[in-house]
Protein backbone atom coordinates (compact mmCIF):
# COMPACT_ATOMS: atom_id res chain seq x y z
CA UNK A 1 50.59 4.50 5.43
CA UNK A 2 47.22 5.86 6.51
CA UNK A 3 44.24 3.55 6.40
CA UNK A 4 41.57 4.49 3.87
CA UNK A 5 38.14 5.10 5.32
CA UNK A 6 35.06 4.34 3.28
CA UNK A 7 31.86 6.02 4.35
CA UNK A 8 28.50 4.66 3.24
CA UNK A 9 25.32 6.67 3.55
CA UNK A 10 21.96 4.93 3.46
CA UNK A 11 19.97 7.30 1.27
CA UNK A 12 16.91 5.18 0.54
CA UNK A 13 15.31 1.85 1.36
CA UNK A 14 12.50 0.38 -0.72
CA UNK A 15 10.20 -2.43 0.35
CA UNK A 16 8.50 -4.25 -2.52
CA UNK A 17 5.11 -5.80 -1.74
CA UNK A 18 2.45 -7.61 -3.70
CA UNK A 19 -0.57 -5.29 -3.78
CA UNK A 20 -3.02 -8.20 -3.82
CA UNK A 21 -1.65 -9.99 -0.75
CA UNK A 22 0.44 -7.43 1.13
CA UNK A 23 3.30 -9.94 1.25
CA UNK A 24 6.91 -9.20 0.40
CA UNK A 25 7.94 -9.76 -3.23
CA UNK A 26 10.85 -12.22 -3.34
CA UNK A 27 11.43 -11.96 -7.12
CA UNK A 28 15.07 -10.96 -7.69
CA UNK A 29 14.74 -9.87 -11.33
CA UNK A 30 14.35 -6.19 -10.41
CA UNK A 31 15.56 -2.92 -11.89
CA UNK A 32 15.46 0.64 -10.59
CA UNK A 33 15.89 3.54 -13.00
CA UNK A 34 15.96 7.33 -12.89
CA UNK A 35 15.74 9.18 -16.21
CA UNK A 36 16.46 5.91 -17.99
CA UNK A 37 19.66 5.18 -16.06
CA UNK A 38 19.95 2.13 -13.79
CA UNK A 39 20.58 2.79 -10.10
CA UNK A 40 22.42 0.12 -8.14
CA UNK A 41 20.60 -1.35 -5.15
CA UNK A 42 21.54 -4.00 -2.63
CA UNK A 43 18.99 -6.72 -1.90
CA UNK A 44 18.47 -7.33 1.81
CA UNK A 45 15.83 -10.03 1.61
CA UNK A 46 12.04 -10.03 2.04
CA UNK A 47 11.61 -7.56 -0.81
CA UNK A 48 13.86 -4.89 0.73
CA UNK A 49 16.47 -2.98 -1.28
CA UNK A 50 18.87 -0.33 0.00
CA UNK A 51 20.50 2.49 -1.96
CA UNK A 52 23.84 3.78 -0.73
CA UNK A 53 25.48 7.12 -1.54
CA UNK A 54 22.97 8.14 -4.22
CA UNK A 55 22.22 11.45 -2.52
CA UNK A 56 18.95 12.63 -1.04
CA UNK A 57 17.55 14.60 -3.92
CA UNK A 58 13.89 14.13 -4.81
CA UNK A 59 13.55 11.92 -7.87
CA UNK A 60 11.06 9.99 -9.98
CA UNK A 61 12.10 6.33 -10.00
CA UNK A 62 10.86 3.66 -12.39
CA UNK A 63 10.68 0.18 -10.92
CA UNK A 64 10.38 -2.98 -12.99
CA UNK A 65 9.93 -6.42 -11.40
CA UNK A 66 9.49 -9.62 -13.39
CA UNK A 67 5.89 -10.80 -13.20
CA UNK A 68 4.50 -7.42 -12.13
CA UNK A 69 3.29 -4.23 -13.77
CA UNK A 70 5.95 -1.50 -13.90
CA UNK A 71 5.42 1.31 -11.44
CA UNK A 72 6.81 4.80 -10.80
CA UNK A 73 7.82 5.99 -7.34
CA UNK A 74 7.95 9.72 -6.67
CA UNK A 75 10.63 9.97 -3.97
CA UNK A 76 10.07 13.05 -1.81
CA UNK A 77 12.45 13.19 1.13
CA UNK A 78 10.34 15.64 3.10
CA UNK A 79 7.77 12.83 3.39
CA UNK A 80 10.32 10.19 4.50
CA UNK A 81 12.01 9.51 7.82
CA UNK A 82 15.26 11.46 8.09
CA UNK A 83 17.19 8.61 9.73
CA UNK A 84 15.69 5.70 7.83
CA UNK A 85 14.14 6.99 4.57
CA UNK A 86 11.97 4.04 3.59
CA UNK A 87 9.20 3.71 1.02
CA UNK A 88 6.73 0.86 0.51
CA UNK A 89 5.99 0.05 -3.13
CA UNK A 90 2.95 -2.07 -3.93
CA UNK A 91 3.20 -4.08 -7.14
CA UNK A 92 0.30 -5.41 -9.21
CA UNK A 93 0.74 -8.85 -10.83
CA UNK A 94 1.04 -8.70 -14.62
CA UNK A 95 -1.61 -10.34 -16.79
CA UNK A 96 1.12 -12.32 -18.55
CA UNK A 97 2.49 -13.83 -15.34
CA UNK A 98 1.38 -16.87 -13.36
CA UNK A 99 0.42 -14.61 -10.48
CA UNK A 100 -1.70 -12.45 -12.77
CA UNK A 101 -3.73 -15.41 -13.99
CA UNK A 102 -5.03 -15.88 -10.44
CA UNK A 103 -6.31 -12.30 -10.26
CA UNK A 104 -9.47 -10.45 -11.25
CA UNK A 105 -9.12 -6.96 -12.68
CA UNK A 106 -10.80 -3.58 -12.43
CA UNK A 107 -9.46 -1.11 -14.96
CA UNK A 108 -10.56 1.87 -16.96
CA UNK A 109 -10.03 5.58 -17.42
CA UNK A 110 -11.47 8.43 -15.37
CA UNK A 111 -10.46 12.06 -15.67
CA UNK A 112 -9.07 13.53 -12.45
CA UNK A 113 -8.55 10.25 -10.60
CA UNK A 114 -5.56 10.35 -8.25
CA UNK A 115 -5.81 7.24 -6.07
CA UNK A 116 -7.62 3.89 -5.90
CA UNK A 117 -7.77 1.41 -3.02
CA UNK A 118 -10.15 -1.30 -1.83
CA UNK A 119 -11.14 -3.47 1.14
CA UNK A 120 -13.14 -6.67 1.45
CA UNK A 121 -15.84 -5.85 4.07
CA UNK A 122 -16.32 -9.53 4.84
CA UNK A 123 -12.74 -10.23 5.93
CA UNK A 124 -11.80 -8.21 9.03
CA UNK A 125 -8.41 -8.75 10.64
CA UNK A 126 -9.17 -6.82 13.85
CA UNK A 127 -11.75 -4.63 15.56
CA UNK A 128 -11.51 -1.21 17.18
CA UNK A 129 -11.92 -1.43 20.95
CA UNK A 130 -11.14 2.19 21.81
CA UNK A 131 -9.57 5.33 20.38
CA UNK A 132 -8.00 7.87 22.73
CA UNK A 133 -8.29 10.93 20.50
CA UNK A 134 -6.11 13.15 22.70
CA UNK A 135 -3.20 10.67 22.80
CA UNK A 136 -3.97 9.18 19.36
CA UNK A 137 -3.78 5.68 20.89
CA UNK A 138 -5.84 3.00 19.19
CA UNK A 139 -6.69 -0.15 21.17
CA UNK A 140 -7.62 -3.24 19.17
CA UNK A 141 -9.47 -6.47 19.68
CA UNK A 142 -7.58 -9.26 17.92
CA UNK A 143 -9.52 -12.53 17.68
CA UNK A 144 -7.02 -15.41 17.73
CA UNK A 145 -4.40 -13.59 15.67
CA UNK A 146 -1.76 -10.89 15.79
CA UNK A 147 -1.18 -8.28 13.11
CA UNK A 148 1.42 -5.57 12.73
CA UNK A 149 -0.37 -2.40 11.69
CA UNK A 150 2.97 -0.74 10.95
CA UNK A 151 3.73 -3.41 8.33
CA UNK A 152 1.17 -2.82 5.57
CA UNK A 153 -1.82 -0.56 5.04
CA UNK A 154 -4.97 -1.20 7.03
CA UNK A 155 -8.23 0.71 7.03
CA UNK A 156 -11.06 1.15 9.53
CA UNK A 157 -14.54 0.54 8.09
CA UNK A 158 -17.61 2.62 8.91
CA UNK A 159 -20.57 0.30 8.24
CA UNK A 160 -23.09 3.09 8.82
CA UNK A 161 -21.66 5.19 5.97
CA UNK A 162 -20.14 2.32 3.95
CA UNK A 163 -16.77 4.10 3.87
CA UNK A 164 -13.25 3.33 5.09
CA UNK A 165 -10.20 5.33 6.04
CA UNK A 166 -6.56 4.31 6.19
CA UNK A 167 -4.93 4.17 9.62
CA UNK A 168 -1.59 5.97 9.65
CA UNK A 169 0.37 4.22 12.41
CA UNK A 170 3.31 6.03 14.00
CA UNK A 171 4.44 3.28 16.39
CA UNK A 172 3.36 0.01 17.93
CA UNK A 173 3.01 0.34 21.71
CA UNK A 174 2.02 -3.23 22.50
CA UNK A 175 0.39 -6.25 20.88
CA UNK A 176 -2.99 -4.53 20.99
CA UNK A 177 -2.16 -0.81 21.08
CA UNK A 178 -0.72 1.55 18.48
CA UNK A 179 -0.15 5.28 18.32
CA UNK A 180 -1.53 6.91 15.19
CA UNK A 181 0.32 9.57 13.23
CA UNK A 182 -2.95 11.45 13.09
CA UNK A 183 -6.51 10.74 14.06
CA UNK A 184 -8.88 9.65 11.28
CA UNK A 185 -10.69 12.51 9.56
CA UNK A 186 -14.09 10.92 10.16
CA UNK A 187 -15.47 9.46 13.37
CA UNK A 188 -16.29 5.76 13.38
CA UNK A 189 -18.35 3.64 15.79
CA UNK A 190 -16.79 1.51 18.52
CA UNK A 191 -16.26 -2.09 17.40
CA UNK A 192 -15.67 -0.95 13.84
CA UNK A 193 -13.79 -3.64 11.87
CA UNK A 194 -10.33 -3.18 10.40
CA UNK A 195 -9.35 -4.55 6.99
CA UNK A 196 -6.20 -4.84 4.94
CA UNK A 197 -6.12 -2.29 2.14
CA UNK A 198 -5.53 -3.40 -1.43
CA UNK A 199 -3.82 -0.71 -3.51
CA UNK A 200 -4.22 -0.01 -7.19
CA UNK A 201 -2.29 2.13 -9.65
CA UNK A 202 -3.27 5.43 -11.27
CA UNK A 203 -1.51 7.08 -14.20
CA UNK A 204 -1.39 10.72 -15.23
CA UNK A 205 -3.69 10.07 -18.21
CA UNK A 206 -6.49 8.99 -15.83
CA UNK A 207 -6.12 5.25 -16.40
CA UNK A 208 -6.47 3.09 -13.30
CA UNK A 209 -5.79 -0.54 -12.44
CA UNK A 210 -6.73 -2.62 -9.41
CA UNK A 211 -6.53 -6.40 -8.97
CA UNK A 212 -7.75 -8.86 -6.35
CA UNK A 213 -6.97 -12.52 -5.82
CA UNK A 214 -9.56 -14.94 -7.18
CA UNK A 215 -9.88 -17.38 -4.29
CA UNK A 216 -13.32 -18.61 -5.38
CA UNK A 217 -15.08 -16.96 -2.44
CA UNK A 218 -17.43 -13.99 -2.29
CA UNK A 219 -15.55 -11.17 -3.98
CA UNK A 220 -17.53 -7.99 -3.38
CA UNK A 221 -15.05 -5.25 -2.56
CA UNK A 222 -15.60 -1.67 -1.46
CA UNK A 223 -13.49 0.48 -3.78
CA UNK A 224 -12.40 3.96 -2.71
CA UNK A 225 -11.16 6.37 -5.33
CA UNK A 226 -10.24 10.04 -5.16
CA UNK A 227 -11.25 12.28 -8.05
CA UNK A 228 -10.22 15.95 -8.01
CA UNK A 229 -9.86 15.77 -4.22
CA UNK A 230 -13.28 14.15 -3.68
CA UNK A 231 -13.55 10.72 -2.01
CA UNK A 232 -15.87 8.35 -3.82
CA UNK A 233 -16.91 4.79 -2.97
CA UNK A 234 -18.35 1.99 -5.04
CA UNK A 235 -19.05 -1.68 -4.34
CA UNK A 236 -17.59 -3.87 -7.06
CA UNK A 237 -18.44 -7.55 -7.53
CA UNK A 238 -15.34 -9.05 -9.13
CA UNK A 239 -17.23 -12.26 -9.91
CA UNK A 240 -19.87 -10.46 -11.98
CA UNK A 241 -20.07 -11.34 -15.68
CA UNK A 242 -19.19 -7.74 -16.46
CA UNK A 243 -17.26 -5.75 -13.87
CA UNK A 244 -18.53 -2.18 -13.57
CA UNK A 245 -16.19 0.71 -14.27
CA UNK A 246 -15.81 3.72 -12.01
CA UNK A 247 -17.59 7.01 -12.61
């Protein structure tokens, strides 16, 4: 009798992260749906889920996690690694959850908005020492800490223009050097600080939502939002009596 062979194909891996902290979401009450139908996923720990033998067709996936706002993920395989197709999904704590009660909220509606992110200019995690534009190698100064720029989103801050741009890291070369997928669009001064990016959510109707942790400290964030292809920036004080909306 011939032995049966079972072949498993890893078609997708999703990493769930808390948008306010960047940390992995360990909540196990999770569902993944496409067109209203549940898709089975295997939990691998630290917020990672793998999908086997589902095929590699582009799809719109709805993700629901207890304690967090539901989110949609537009899976486009041309944008994912061919060997290890992995997508990071950043979840915003729900107002009705314990996590949500510790957050401050920026929300509203703005026609044409496509993306919203933020940094806290007073909390750098590293500093730019040098950028080799030809080789796309970024050298960092890390004061008494070590970060993995391939792990979550980080942005380089231009204090002269009061803007920031996300660093797209291709690979980590050493503790203090990384190779970028592409060079930043805008030049930035040497010694520019690097900050963790906080991600918000945007819906097709123009509604937006962004939350930050209320740790009782100074909470003035630089918010970046893209409207009809145009980058806009606004400083938001989350401890103000009335938080401004975007325009």
